[in-house]
PDB file of all heavy atoms in Angstrom:
ATOM      1  N   TYR A   1      69.093   3.392 211.235  1.00  0.00           N
ATOM      2  CA  TYR A   1      67.980   4.321 211.047  1.00  0.00           C
ATOM      3  C   TYR A   1      67.221   4.611 212.339  1.00  0.00           C
ATOM      4  O   TYR A   1      66.270   5.387 212.335  1.00  0.00           O
ATOM      5  CB  TYR A   1      67.006   3.776 209.990  1.00  0.00           C
ATOM      6  CG  TYR A   1      67.647   3.627 208.627  1.00  0.00           C
ATOM      7  CD1 TYR A   1      67.765   2.373 208.032  1.00  0.00           C
ATOM      8  CD2 TYR A   1      68.163   4.728 207.952  1.00  0.00           C
ATOM      9  CE1 TYR A   1      68.375   2.223 206.797  1.00  0.00           C
ATOM     10  CE2 TYR A   1      68.772   4.592 206.719  1.00  0.00           C
ATOM     11  CZ  TYR A   1      68.876   3.332 206.152  1.00  0.00           C
ATOM     12  OH  TYR A   1      69.488   3.195 204.929  1.00  0.00           O
ATOM     13  N   ARG A   2      67.659   4.019 213.429  1.00  0.00           N
ATOM     14  CA  ARG A   2      66.910   4.193 214.672  1.00  0.00           C
ATOM     15  C   ARG A   2      67.067   5.582 215.282  1.00  0.00           C
ATOM     16  O   ARG A   2      66.278   5.972 216.142  1.00  0.00           O
ATOM     17  CB  ARG A   2      67.324   3.116 215.682  1.00  0.00           C
ATOM     18  CG  ARG A   2      66.840   1.740 215.273  1.00  0.00           C
ATOM     19  CD  ARG A   2      67.307   0.645 216.195  1.00  0.00           C
ATOM     20  NE  ARG A   2      67.054  -0.668 215.605  1.00  0.00           N
ATOM     21  CZ  ARG A   2      67.628  -1.791 216.001  1.00  0.00           C
ATOM     22  NH1 ARG A   2      68.496  -1.762 216.995  1.00  0.00           N
ATOM     23  NH2 ARG A   2      67.351  -2.925 215.402  1.00  0.00           N
ATOM     24  N   TYR A   3      68.051   6.332 214.834  1.00  0.00           N
ATOM     25  CA  TYR A   3      68.191   7.698 215.337  1.00  0.00           C
ATOM     26  C   TYR A   3      66.964   8.534 214.968  1.00  0.00           C
ATOM     27  O   TYR A   3      66.644   9.532 215.640  1.00  0.00           O
ATOM     28  CB  TYR A   3      69.464   8.353 214.774  1.00  0.00           C
ATOM     29  CG  TYR A   3      69.376   8.722 213.307  1.00  0.00           C
ATOM     30  CD1 TYR A   3      69.005  10.011 212.922  1.00  0.00           C
ATOM     31  CD2 TYR A   3      69.644   7.793 212.307  1.00  0.00           C
ATOM     32  CE1 TYR A   3      68.914  10.357 211.585  1.00  0.00           C
ATOM     33  CE2 TYR A   3      69.568   8.125 210.976  1.00  0.00           C
ATOM     34  CZ  TYR A   3      69.200   9.400 210.608  1.00  0.00           C
ATOM     35  OH  TYR A   3      69.105   9.740 209.281  1.00  0.00           O
ATOM     36  N   LEU A   4      66.257   8.114 213.917  1.00  0.00           N
ATOM     37  CA  LEU A   4      65.080   8.853 213.469  1.00  0.00           C
ATOM     38  C   LEU A   4      63.898   8.712 214.428  1.00  0.00           C
ATOM     39  O   LEU A   4      62.922   9.456 214.317  1.00  0.00           O
ATOM     40  CB  LEU A   4      64.661   8.376 212.072  1.00  0.00           C
ATOM     41  CG  LEU A   4      65.652   8.686 210.943  1.00  0.00           C
ATOM     42  CD1 LEU A   4      65.319   7.893 209.693  1.00  0.00           C
ATOM     43  CD2 LEU A   4      65.667  10.182 210.645  1.00  0.00           C
ATOM     44  N   MET A   5      63.984   7.761 215.357  1.00  0.00           N
ATOM     45  CA  MET A   5      62.901   7.576 216.320  1.00  0.00           C
ATOM     46  C   MET A   5      63.319   7.990 217.735  1.00  0.00           C
ATOM     47  O   MET A   5      62.677   7.606 218.713  1.00  0.00           O
ATOM     48  CB  MET A   5      62.420   6.117 216.306  1.00  0.00           C
ATOM     49  CG  MET A   5      63.491   5.106 216.661  1.00  0.00           C
ATOM     50  SD  MET A   5      62.951   3.370 216.436  1.00  0.00           S
ATOM     51  CE  MET A   5      61.614   3.233 217.599  1.00  0.00           C
ATOM     52  N   ARG A   6      64.382   8.785 217.844  1.00  0.00           N
ATOM     53  CA  ARG A   6      64.765   9.286 219.163  1.00  0.00           C
ATOM     54  C   ARG A   6      63.610  10.068 219.782  1.00  0.00           C
ATOM     55  O   ARG A   6      62.991  10.900 219.127  1.00  0.00           O
ATOM     56  CB  ARG A   6      65.983  10.192 219.040  1.00  0.00           C
ATOM     57  CG  ARG A   6      67.283   9.452 218.734  1.00  0.00           C
ATOM     58  CD  ARG A   6      68.410  10.421 218.478  1.00  0.00           C
ATOM     59  NE  ARG A   6      69.626   9.746 218.075  1.00  0.00           N
ATOM     60  CZ  ARG A   6      70.616  10.322 217.399  1.00  0.00           C
ATOM     61  NH1 ARG A   6      70.539  11.616 217.084  1.00  0.00           N
ATOM     62  NH2 ARG A   6      71.689   9.651 217.059  1.00  0.00           N
ATOM     63  N   GLY A   7      63.332   9.780 221.041  1.00  0.00           N
ATOM     64  CA  GLY A   7      62.200  10.392 221.713  1.00  0.00           C
ATOM     65  C   GLY A   7      60.980   9.496 221.731  1.00  0.00           C
ATOM     66  O   GLY A   7      59.929   9.876 222.258  1.00  0.00           O
ATOM     67  N   VAL A   8      61.104   8.286 221.166  1.00  0.00           N
ATOM     68  CA  VAL A   8      59.961   7.377 221.107  1.00  0.00           C
ATOM     69  C   VAL A   8      59.503   6.959 222.503  1.00  0.00           C
ATOM     70  O   VAL A   8      58.352   6.514 222.693  1.00  0.00           O
ATOM     71  CB  VAL A   8      60.322   6.132 220.257  1.00  0.00           C
ATOM     72  CG1 VAL A   8      61.313   5.241 220.988  1.00  0.00           C
ATOM     73  CG2 VAL A   8      59.073   5.357 219.869  1.00  0.00           C
ATOM     74  N   GLU A   9      60.369   7.117 223.501  1.00  0.00           N
ATOM     75  CA  GLU A   9      59.995   6.732 224.873  1.00  0.00           C
ATOM     76  C   GLU A   9      58.866   7.591 225.438  1.00  0.00           C
ATOM     77  O   GLU A   9      58.252   7.239 226.443  1.00  0.00           O
ATOM     78  CB  GLU A   9      61.217   6.829 225.801  1.00  0.00           C
ATOM     79  CG  GLU A   9      61.783   8.221 225.984  1.00  0.00           C
ATOM     80  CD  GLU A   9      62.829   8.601 224.940  1.00  0.00           C
ATOM     81  OE1 GLU A   9      62.954   7.883 223.930  1.00  0.00           O
ATOM     82  OE2 GLU A   9      63.520   9.624 225.154  1.00  0.00           O
ATOM     83  N   TYR A  10      58.564   8.714 224.769  1.00  0.00           N
ATOM     84  CA  TYR A  10      57.462   9.561 225.216  1.00  0.00           C
ATOM     85  C   TYR A  10      56.107   9.089 224.689  1.00  0.00           C
ATOM     86  O   TYR A  10      55.066   9.614 225.085  1.00  0.00           O
ATOM     87  CB  TYR A  10      57.681  11.011 224.757  1.00  0.00           C
ATOM     88  CG  TYR A  10      58.847  11.697 225.434  1.00  0.00           C
ATOM     89  CD1 TYR A  10      60.065  11.859 224.768  1.00  0.00           C
ATOM     90  CD2 TYR A  10      58.736  12.186 226.733  1.00  0.00           C
ATOM     91  CE1 TYR A  10      61.132  12.487 225.380  1.00  0.00           C
ATOM     92  CE2 TYR A  10      59.808  12.822 227.351  1.00  0.00           C
ATOM     93  CZ  TYR A  10      60.997  12.974 226.680  1.00  0.00           C
ATOM     94  OH  TYR A  10      62.050  13.597 227.295  1.00  0.00           O
ATOM     95  N   ALA A  11      56.103   8.118 223.804  1.00  0.00           N
ATOM     96  CA  ALA A  11      54.867   7.694 223.141  1.00  0.00           C
ATOM     97  C   ALA A  11      53.914   6.989 224.095  1.00  0.00           C
ATOM     98  O   ALA A  11      54.333   6.199 224.939  1.00  0.00           O
ATOM     99  CB  ALA A  11      55.196   6.773 221.968  1.00  0.00           C
ATOM    100  N   ASP A  12      52.628   7.271 223.934  1.00  0.00           N
ATOM    101  CA  ASP A  12      51.580   6.502 224.610  1.00  0.00           C
ATOM    102  C   ASP A  12      51.111   5.363 223.715  1.00  0.00           C
ATOM    103  O   ASP A  12      50.607   4.353 224.206  1.00  0.00           O
ATOM    104  CB  ASP A  12      50.401   7.403 224.948  1.00  0.00           C
ATOM    105  CG  ASP A  12      50.755   8.412 226.023  1.00  0.00           C
ATOM    106  OD1 ASP A  12      50.896   8.003 227.189  1.00  0.00           O
ATOM    107  OD2 ASP A  12      50.909   9.611 225.699  1.00  0.00           O
ATOM    108  N   SER A  13      51.265   5.538 222.412  1.00  0.00           N
ATOM    109  CA  SER A  13      50.947   4.471 221.464  1.00  0.00           C
ATOM    110  C   SER A  13      51.798   4.651 220.215  1.00  0.00           C
ATOM    111  O   SER A  13      52.233   5.760 219.891  1.00  0.00           O
ATOM    112  CB  SER A  13      49.456   4.467 221.106  1.00  0.00           C
ATOM    113  OG  SER A  13      49.022   5.732 220.655  1.00  0.00           O
ATOM    114  N   PHE A  14      52.054   3.542 219.547  1.00  0.00           N
ATOM    115  CA  PHE A  14      52.952   3.531 218.384  1.00  0.00           C
ATOM    116  C   PHE A  14      52.400   2.519 217.384  1.00  0.00           C
ATOM    117  O   PHE A  14      51.950   1.436 217.774  1.00  0.00           O
ATOM    118  CB  PHE A  14      54.364   3.124 218.823  1.00  0.00           C
ATOM    119  CG  PHE A  14      55.379   3.052 217.708  1.00  0.00           C
ATOM    120  CD1 PHE A  14      56.247   4.106 217.476  1.00  0.00           C
ATOM    121  CD2 PHE A  14      55.466   1.933 216.887  1.00  0.00           C
ATOM    122  CE1 PHE A  14      57.197   4.040 216.459  1.00  0.00           C
ATOM    123  CE2 PHE A  14      56.409   1.861 215.876  1.00  0.00           C
ATOM    124  CZ  PHE A  14      57.282   2.919 215.663  1.00  0.00           C
ATOM    125  N   ASP A  15      52.432   2.858 216.105  1.00  0.00           N
ATOM    126  CA  ASP A  15      51.904   1.931 215.098  1.00  0.00           C
ATOM    127  C   ASP A  15      52.744   1.971 213.827  1.00  0.00           C
ATOM    128  O   ASP A  15      53.211   3.034 213.412  1.00  0.00           O
ATOM    129  CB  ASP A  15      50.454   2.301 214.745  1.00  0.00           C
ATOM    130  CG  ASP A  15      49.852   1.355 213.727  1.00  0.00           C
ATOM    131  OD1 ASP A  15      49.377   0.279 214.135  1.00  0.00           O
ATOM    132  OD2 ASP A  15      49.875   1.671 212.521  1.00  0.00           O
ATOM    133  N   PHE A  16      52.962   0.774 213.235  1.00  0.00           N
ATOM    134  CA  PHE A  16      53.544   0.705 211.899  1.00  0.00           C
ATOM    135  C   PHE A  16      52.897  -0.452 211.151  1.00  0.00           C
ATOM    136  O   PHE A  16      52.269  -1.333 211.744  1.00  0.00           O
ATOM    137  CB  PHE A  16      55.070   0.569 211.957  1.00  0.00           C
ATOM    138  CG  PHE A  16      55.564  -0.840 212.197  1.00  0.00           C
ATOM    139  CD1 PHE A  16      56.085  -1.591 211.147  1.00  0.00           C
ATOM    140  CD2 PHE A  16      55.522  -1.405 213.461  1.00  0.00           C
ATOM    141  CE1 PHE A  16      56.552  -2.883 211.369  1.00  0.00           C
ATOM    142  CE2 PHE A  16      55.991  -2.694 213.687  1.00  0.00           C
ATOM    143  CZ  PHE A  16      56.504  -3.439 212.629  1.00  0.00           C
ATOM    144  N   ASN A  17      53.040  -0.439 209.828  1.00  0.00           N
ATOM    145  CA  ASN A  17      52.371  -1.428 208.980  1.00  0.00           C
ATOM    146  C   ASN A  17      53.369  -2.435 208.405  1.00  0.00           C
ATOM    147  O   ASN A  17      54.060  -2.133 207.425  1.00  0.00           O
ATOM    148  CB  ASN A  17      51.655  -0.741 207.813  1.00  0.00           C
ATOM    149  CG  ASN A  17      50.410  -0.017 208.241  1.00  0.00           C
ATOM    150  OD1 ASN A  17      49.863  -0.285 209.302  1.00  0.00           O
ATOM    151  ND2 ASN A  17      49.951   0.908 207.413  1.00  0.00           N
ATOM    152  N   PRO A  18      53.448  -3.638 208.962  1.00  0.00           N
ATOM    153  CA  PRO A  18      54.262  -4.681 208.324  1.00  0.00           C
ATOM    154  C   PRO A  18      53.793  -4.990 206.900  1.00  0.00           C
ATOM    155  O   PRO A  18      54.568  -5.466 206.085  1.00  0.00           O
ATOM    156  CB  PRO A  18      54.066  -5.892 209.251  1.00  0.00           C
ATOM    157  CG  PRO A  18      53.758  -5.292 210.587  1.00  0.00           C
ATOM    158  CD  PRO A  18      52.937  -4.077 210.277  1.00  0.00           C
ATOM    159  N   HIS A  19      52.527  -4.689 206.606  1.00  0.00           N
ATOM    160  CA  HIS A  19      52.040  -4.946 205.249  1.00  0.00           C
ATOM    161  C   HIS A  19      52.468  -3.875 204.245  1.00  0.00           C
ATOM    162  O   HIS A  19      52.126  -3.968 203.069  1.00  0.00           O
ATOM    163  CB  HIS A  19      50.509  -5.119 205.230  1.00  0.00           C
ATOM    164  CG  HIS A  19      49.723  -3.886 205.583  1.00  0.00           C
ATOM    165  ND1 HIS A  19      48.708  -3.899 206.510  1.00  0.00           N
ATOM    166  CD2 HIS A  19      49.767  -2.619 205.141  1.00  0.00           C
ATOM    167  CE1 HIS A  19      48.164  -2.698 206.611  1.00  0.00           C
ATOM    168  NE2 HIS A  19      48.804  -1.903 205.790  1.00  0.00           N
ATOM    169  N   LYS A  20      53.222  -2.881 204.697  1.00  0.00           N
ATOM    170  CA  LYS A  20      53.715  -1.875 203.765  1.00  0.00           C
ATOM    171  C   LYS A  20      55.148  -2.163 203.303  1.00  0.00           C
ATOM    172  O   LYS A  20      55.454  -2.055 202.134  1.00  0.00           O
ATOM    173  CB  LYS A  20      53.656  -0.482 204.409  1.00  0.00           C
ATOM    174  CG  LYS A  20      52.354   0.260 204.180  1.00  0.00           C
ATOM    175  CD  LYS A  20      52.508   1.735 204.486  1.00  0.00           C
ATOM    176  CE  LYS A  20      51.288   2.519 204.030  1.00  0.00           C
ATOM    177  NZ  LYS A  20      50.090   2.232 204.815  1.00  0.00           N
ATOM    178  N   TRP A  21      56.042  -2.468 204.235  1.00  0.00           N
ATOM    179  CA  TRP A  21      57.455  -2.559 203.855  1.00  0.00           C
ATOM    180  C   TRP A  21      58.141  -3.768 204.481  1.00  0.00           C
ATOM    181  O   TRP A  21      59.347  -3.912 204.383  1.00  0.00           O
ATOM    182  CB  TRP A  21      58.177  -1.267 204.256  1.00  0.00           C
ATOM    183  CG  TRP A  21      59.373  -0.947 203.438  1.00  0.00           C
ATOM    184  CD1 TRP A  21      59.785  -1.542 202.268  1.00  0.00           C
ATOM    185  CD2 TRP A  21      60.354   0.066 203.704  1.00  0.00           C
ATOM    186  NE1 TRP A  21      60.929  -0.978 201.790  1.00  0.00           N
ATOM    187  CE2 TRP A  21      61.312   0.030 202.665  1.00  0.00           C
ATOM    188  CE3 TRP A  21      60.514   0.999 204.713  1.00  0.00           C
ATOM    189  CZ2 TRP A  21      62.406   0.877 202.606  1.00  0.00           C
ATOM    190  CZ3 TRP A  21      61.597   1.858 204.658  1.00  0.00           C
ATOM    191  CH2 TRP A  21      62.530   1.802 203.613  1.00  0.00           C
ATOM    192  N   MET A  22      57.359  -4.642 205.110  1.00  0.00           N
ATOM    193  CA  MET A  22      57.961  -5.800 205.737  1.00  0.00           C
ATOM    194  C   MET A  22      57.481  -7.099 205.088  1.00  0.00           C
ATOM    195  O   MET A  22      57.551  -8.171 205.684  1.00  0.00           O
ATOM    196  CB  MET A  22      57.683  -5.810 207.244  1.00  0.00           C
ATOM    197  CG  MET A  22      58.664  -6.669 208.040  1.00  0.00           C
ATOM    198  SD  MET A  22      58.344  -6.685 209.821  1.00  0.00           S
ATOM    199  CE  MET A  22      59.217  -5.208 210.322  1.00  0.00           C
ATOM    200  N   MET A  23      56.934  -6.970 203.876  1.00  0.00           N
ATOM    201  CA  MET A  23      56.609  -8.120 203.028  1.00  0.00           C
ATOM    202  C   MET A  23      55.473  -8.981 203.566  1.00  0.00           C
ATOM    203  O   MET A  23      55.308 -10.127 203.161  1.00  0.00           O
ATOM    204  CB  MET A  23      57.851  -8.982 202.783  1.00  0.00           C
ATOM    205  CG  MET A  23      58.972  -8.239 202.099  1.00  0.00           C
ATOM    206  SD  MET A  23      60.506  -9.191 201.969  1.00  0.00           S
ATOM    207  CE  MET A  23      61.093  -9.156 203.653  1.00  0.00           C
ATOM    208  N   VAL A  24      54.669  -8.442 204.485  1.00  0.00           N
ATOM    209  CA  VAL A  24      53.516  -9.165 205.004  1.00  0.00           C
ATOM    210  C   VAL A  24      52.291  -8.786 204.173  1.00  0.00           C
ATOM    211  O   VAL A  24      52.108  -7.616 203.819  1.00  0.00           O
ATOM    212  CB  VAL A  24      53.270  -8.822 206.485  1.00  0.00           C
ATOM    213  CG1 VAL A  24      52.041  -9.550 207.011  1.00  0.00           C
ATOM    214  CG2 VAL A  24      54.496  -9.173 207.318  1.00  0.00           C
TER     215      VAL A  24
END
């Protein structure tokens, strides 16, 4: 599924929620 984040190298900041789908 990492193809969906192609271009992420342009990011100045990135955020995701482990409490949503990573069982935290």
